[in-house]
């Protein structure tokens, strides 16, 4: 299923996976598989923030494929989470309120307006 492949440019060996195995994987519908002319595979997963289903989809693809690399795209307002320790993240999540959510989403005017409208309707 796998072979170790030394690359002159890399210091660590990369796994080369059997193409038939990769093509036979049953992946979630949110995953699009792109294949290059050199038989490299890219697994593009569409996600929704805070969605348990999205988390499960990403986890399933990573566990099934066991990729050499994972690339994560974050919007600018969420990149600060990469510099927080687990305790800070937990504290931030526990202290989340409406005003704070509005500040965080202010970069996304449409989302901010939808949240304000939704909260007004819930009152």
C-alpha atoms as a PDB file:
ATOM      1  CA  UNK A   1       0.000   0.000   0.000  1.00  0.00           C
ATOM      2  CA  UNK A   2       2.877   2.436   0.823  1.00  0.00           C
ATOM      3  CA  UNK A   3       6.516   2.851  -0.064  1.00  0.00           C
ATOM      4  CA  UNK A   4       9.060   5.190   1.498  1.00  0.00           C
ATOM      5  CA  UNK A   5      10.440   7.610  -1.080  1.00  0.00           C
ATOM      6  CA  UNK A   6      13.584   9.648  -0.447  1.00  0.00           C
ATOM      7  CA  UNK A   7      13.524  13.002  -2.196  1.00  0.00           C
ATOM      8  CA  UNK A   8      16.707  14.997  -2.781  1.00  0.00           C
ATOM      9  CA  UNK A   9      14.977  18.218  -1.702  1.00  0.00           C
ATOM     10  CA  UNK A  10      13.455  16.861   1.523  1.00  0.00           C
ATOM     11  CA  UNK A  11      15.125  15.750   4.709  1.00  0.00           C
ATOM     12  CA  UNK A  12      12.292  13.375   5.627  1.00  0.00           C
ATOM     13  CA  UNK A  13      11.054  10.490   3.506  1.00  0.00           C
ATOM     14  CA  UNK A  14       7.586  10.879   2.001  1.00  0.00           C
ATOM     15  CA  UNK A  15       5.029   8.123   1.761  1.00  0.00           C
ATOM     16  CA  UNK A  16       4.047   7.094  -1.728  1.00  0.00           C
ATOM     17  CA  UNK A  17       0.617   5.541  -1.688  1.00  0.00           C
ATOM     18  CA  UNK A  18      -0.927   3.038  -4.027  1.00  0.00           C
ATOM     19  CA  UNK A  19      -3.077   4.938  -6.549  1.00  0.00           C
ATOM     20  CA  UNK A  20      -5.761   2.229  -6.638  1.00  0.00           C
ATOM     21  CA  UNK A  21      -6.066   2.450  -2.839  1.00  0.00           C
ATOM     22  CA  UNK A  22      -6.434   6.231  -2.890  1.00  0.00           C
ATOM     23  CA  UNK A  23      -8.981   6.121  -5.697  1.00  0.00           C
ATOM     24  CA  UNK A  24     -11.057   3.518  -3.855  1.00  0.00           C
ATOM     25  CA  UNK A  25     -11.482   5.517  -0.637  1.00  0.00           C
ATOM     26  CA  UNK A  26     -15.034   6.437   0.327  1.00  0.00           C
ATOM     27  CA  UNK A  27     -14.777  10.076   1.314  1.00  0.00           C
ATOM     28  CA  UNK A  28     -17.449  12.538   2.467  1.00  0.00           C
ATOM     29  CA  UNK A  29     -19.371  14.477  -0.211  1.00  0.00           C
ATOM     30  CA  UNK A  30     -17.705  17.681   1.040  1.00  0.00           C
ATOM     31  CA  UNK A  31     -14.346  16.370  -0.223  1.00  0.00           C
ATOM     32  CA  UNK A  32     -13.228  16.989  -3.800  1.00  0.00           C
ATOM     33  CA  UNK A  33     -10.253  14.981  -5.029  1.00  0.00           C
ATOM     34  CA  UNK A  34      -7.907  16.657  -7.488  1.00  0.00           C
ATOM     35  CA  UNK A  35      -5.294  14.550  -9.278  1.00  0.00           C
ATOM     36  CA  UNK A  36      -2.258  16.000 -11.007  1.00  0.00           C
ATOM     37  CA  UNK A  37      -0.538  14.674 -14.120  1.00  0.00           C
ATOM     38  CA  UNK A  38       2.160  13.235 -11.828  1.00  0.00           C
ATOM     39  CA  UNK A  39      -0.471  11.260  -9.886  1.00  0.00           C
ATOM     40  CA  UNK A  40      -0.326  13.514  -6.840  1.00  0.00           C
ATOM     41  CA  UNK A  41      -3.633  13.875  -5.021  1.00  0.00           C
ATOM     42  CA  UNK A  42      -5.063  16.995  -3.369  1.00  0.00           C
ATOM     43  CA  UNK A  43      -8.096  16.580  -1.122  1.00  0.00           C
ATOM     44  CA  UNK A  44     -10.067  19.813  -0.922  1.00  0.00           C
ATOM     45  CA  UNK A  45     -12.654  19.812   1.874  1.00  0.00           C
ATOM     46  CA  UNK A  46     -15.400  22.408   2.097  1.00  0.00           C
ATOM     47  CA  UNK A  47     -16.161  23.270   5.703  1.00  0.00           C
ATOM     48  CA  UNK A  48     -18.472  25.437   7.760  1.00  0.00           C
ATOM     49  CA  UNK A  49     -17.136  27.123  10.882  1.00  0.00           C
ATOM     50  CA  UNK A  50     -18.252  25.480  14.125  1.00  0.00           C
ATOM     51  CA  UNK A  51     -19.902  22.599  12.280  1.00  0.00           C
ATOM     52  CA  UNK A  52     -19.473  19.203  13.943  1.00  0.00           C
ATOM     53  CA  UNK A  53     -20.105  17.556  10.560  1.00  0.00           C
ATOM     54  CA  UNK A  54     -17.261  19.561   8.998  1.00  0.00           C
ATOM     55  CA  UNK A  55     -14.930  18.543  11.821  1.00  0.00           C
ATOM     56  CA  UNK A  56     -15.882  14.902  11.294  1.00  0.00           C
ATOM     57  CA  UNK A  57     -15.376  15.170   7.514  1.00  0.00           C
ATOM     58  CA  UNK A  58     -11.879  16.647   7.915  1.00  0.00           C
ATOM     59  CA  UNK A  59     -10.972  14.022  10.496  1.00  0.00           C
ATOM     60  CA  UNK A  60     -12.223  11.178   8.286  1.00  0.00           C
ATOM     61  CA  UNK A  61     -10.250  12.384   5.252  1.00  0.00           C
ATOM     62  CA  UNK A  62      -7.012  12.853   7.233  1.00  0.00           C
ATOM     63  CA  UNK A  63      -7.338   9.439   8.891  1.00  0.00           C
ATOM     64  CA  UNK A  64      -8.196   7.699   5.608  1.00  0.00           C
ATOM     65  CA  UNK A  65      -5.622   9.370   3.389  1.00  0.00           C
ATOM     66  CA  UNK A  66      -2.813   9.958   5.931  1.00  0.00           C
ATOM     67  CA  UNK A  67      -1.437  12.810   3.818  1.00  0.00           C
ATOM     68  CA  UNK A  68       2.158  14.017   3.761  1.00  0.00           C
ATOM     69  CA  UNK A  69       0.934  17.560   4.478  1.00  0.00           C
ATOM     70  CA  UNK A  70      -2.204  19.356   5.597  1.00  0.00           C
ATOM     71  CA  UNK A  71      -2.883  22.955   4.569  1.00  0.00           C
ATOM     72  CA  UNK A  72      -5.402  25.052   6.446  1.00  0.00           C
ATOM     73  CA  UNK A  73      -6.985  28.240   5.114  1.00  0.00           C
ATOM     74  CA  UNK A  74      -8.102  30.684   7.790  1.00  0.00           C
ATOM     75  CA  UNK A  75      -9.652  34.101   7.395  1.00  0.00           C
ATOM     76  CA  UNK A  76      -7.563  36.896   8.889  1.00  0.00           C
ATOM     77  CA  UNK A  77      -9.784  37.322  11.937  1.00  0.00           C
ATOM     78  CA  UNK A  78      -9.193  33.694  12.988  1.00  0.00           C
ATOM     79  CA  UNK A  79      -5.424  33.474  12.587  1.00  0.00           C
ATOM     80  CA  UNK A  80      -4.819  34.662  16.160  1.00  0.00           C
ATOM     81  CA  UNK A  81      -6.134  31.323  17.436  1.00  0.00           C
ATOM     82  CA  UNK A  82      -2.946  29.702  16.120  1.00  0.00           C
ATOM     83  CA  UNK A  83      -0.953  31.607  18.745  1.00  0.00           C
ATOM     84  CA  UNK A  84      -3.154  30.704  21.732  1.00  0.00           C
ATOM     85  CA  UNK A  85      -2.606  27.872  24.151  1.00  0.00           C
ATOM     86  CA  UNK A  86      -5.439  25.468  24.965  1.00  0.00           C
ATOM     87  CA  UNK A  87      -6.263  27.185  28.281  1.00  0.00           C
ATOM     88  CA  UNK A  88      -6.678  30.580  26.593  1.00  0.00           C
ATOM     89  CA  UNK A  89      -8.892  29.124  23.865  1.00  0.00           C
ATOM     90  CA  UNK A  90     -11.124  27.481  26.469  1.00  0.00           C
ATOM     91  CA  UNK A  91     -11.345  30.735  28.442  1.00  0.00           C
ATOM     92  CA  UNK A  92     -12.206  32.733  25.303  1.00  0.00           C
ATOM     93  CA  UNK A  93     -14.930  30.255  24.340  1.00  0.00           C
ATOM     94  CA  UNK A  94     -16.452  30.323  27.824  1.00  0.00           C
ATOM     95  CA  UNK A  95     -16.547  34.139  27.865  1.00  0.00           C
ATOM     96  CA  UNK A  96     -18.120  34.545  24.431  1.00  0.00           C
ATOM     97  CA  UNK A  97     -21.083  36.940  24.325  1.00  0.00           C
ATOM     98  CA  UNK A  98     -23.084  38.835  21.717  1.00  0.00           C
ATOM     99  CA  UNK A  99     -20.955  42.009  21.748  1.00  0.00           C
ATOM    100  CA  UNK A 100     -17.785  40.006  21.363  1.00  0.00           C
ATOM    101  CA  UNK A 101     -19.264  37.988  18.453  1.00  0.00           C
ATOM    102  CA  UNK A 102     -20.220  41.240  16.701  1.00  0.00           C
ATOM    103  CA  UNK A 103     -16.647  42.541  17.100  1.00  0.00           C
ATOM    104  CA  UNK A 104     -15.152  39.313  15.754  1.00  0.00           C
ATOM    105  CA  UNK A 105     -17.483  39.248  12.747  1.00  0.00           C
ATOM    106  CA  UNK A 106     -17.203  42.971  11.970  1.00  0.00           C
ATOM    107  CA  UNK A 107     -14.800  42.159   9.124  1.00  0.00           C
ATOM    108  CA  UNK A 108     -17.665  40.292   7.495  1.00  0.00           C
ATOM    109  CA  UNK A 109     -20.408  42.911   7.217  1.00  0.00           C
ATOM    110  CA  UNK A 110     -23.058  40.548   5.872  1.00  0.00           C
ATOM    111  CA  UNK A 111     -22.476  37.945   8.587  1.00  0.00           C
ATOM    112  CA  UNK A 112     -22.458  40.645  11.256  1.00  0.00           C
ATOM    113  CA  UNK A 113     -25.818  41.991  10.068  1.00  0.00           C
ATOM    114  CA  UNK A 114     -27.363  38.511   9.951  1.00  0.00           C
ATOM    115  CA  UNK A 115     -26.218  37.829  13.507  1.00  0.00           C
ATOM    116  CA  UNK A 116     -27.683  41.113  14.755  1.00  0.00           C
ATOM    117  CA  UNK A 117     -30.988  40.386  13.028  1.00  0.00           C
ATOM    118  CA  UNK A 118     -31.086  36.843  14.383  1.00  0.00           C
ATOM    119  CA  UNK A 119     -30.435  37.999  17.947  1.00  0.00           C
ATOM    120  CA  UNK A 120     -33.134  40.678  17.724  1.00  0.00           C
ATOM    121  CA  UNK A 121     -35.631  38.033  16.604  1.00  0.00           C
ATOM    122  CA  UNK A 122     -34.734  35.739  19.520  1.00  0.00           C
ATOM    123  CA  UNK A 123     -35.465  38.435  22.153  1.00  0.00           C
END
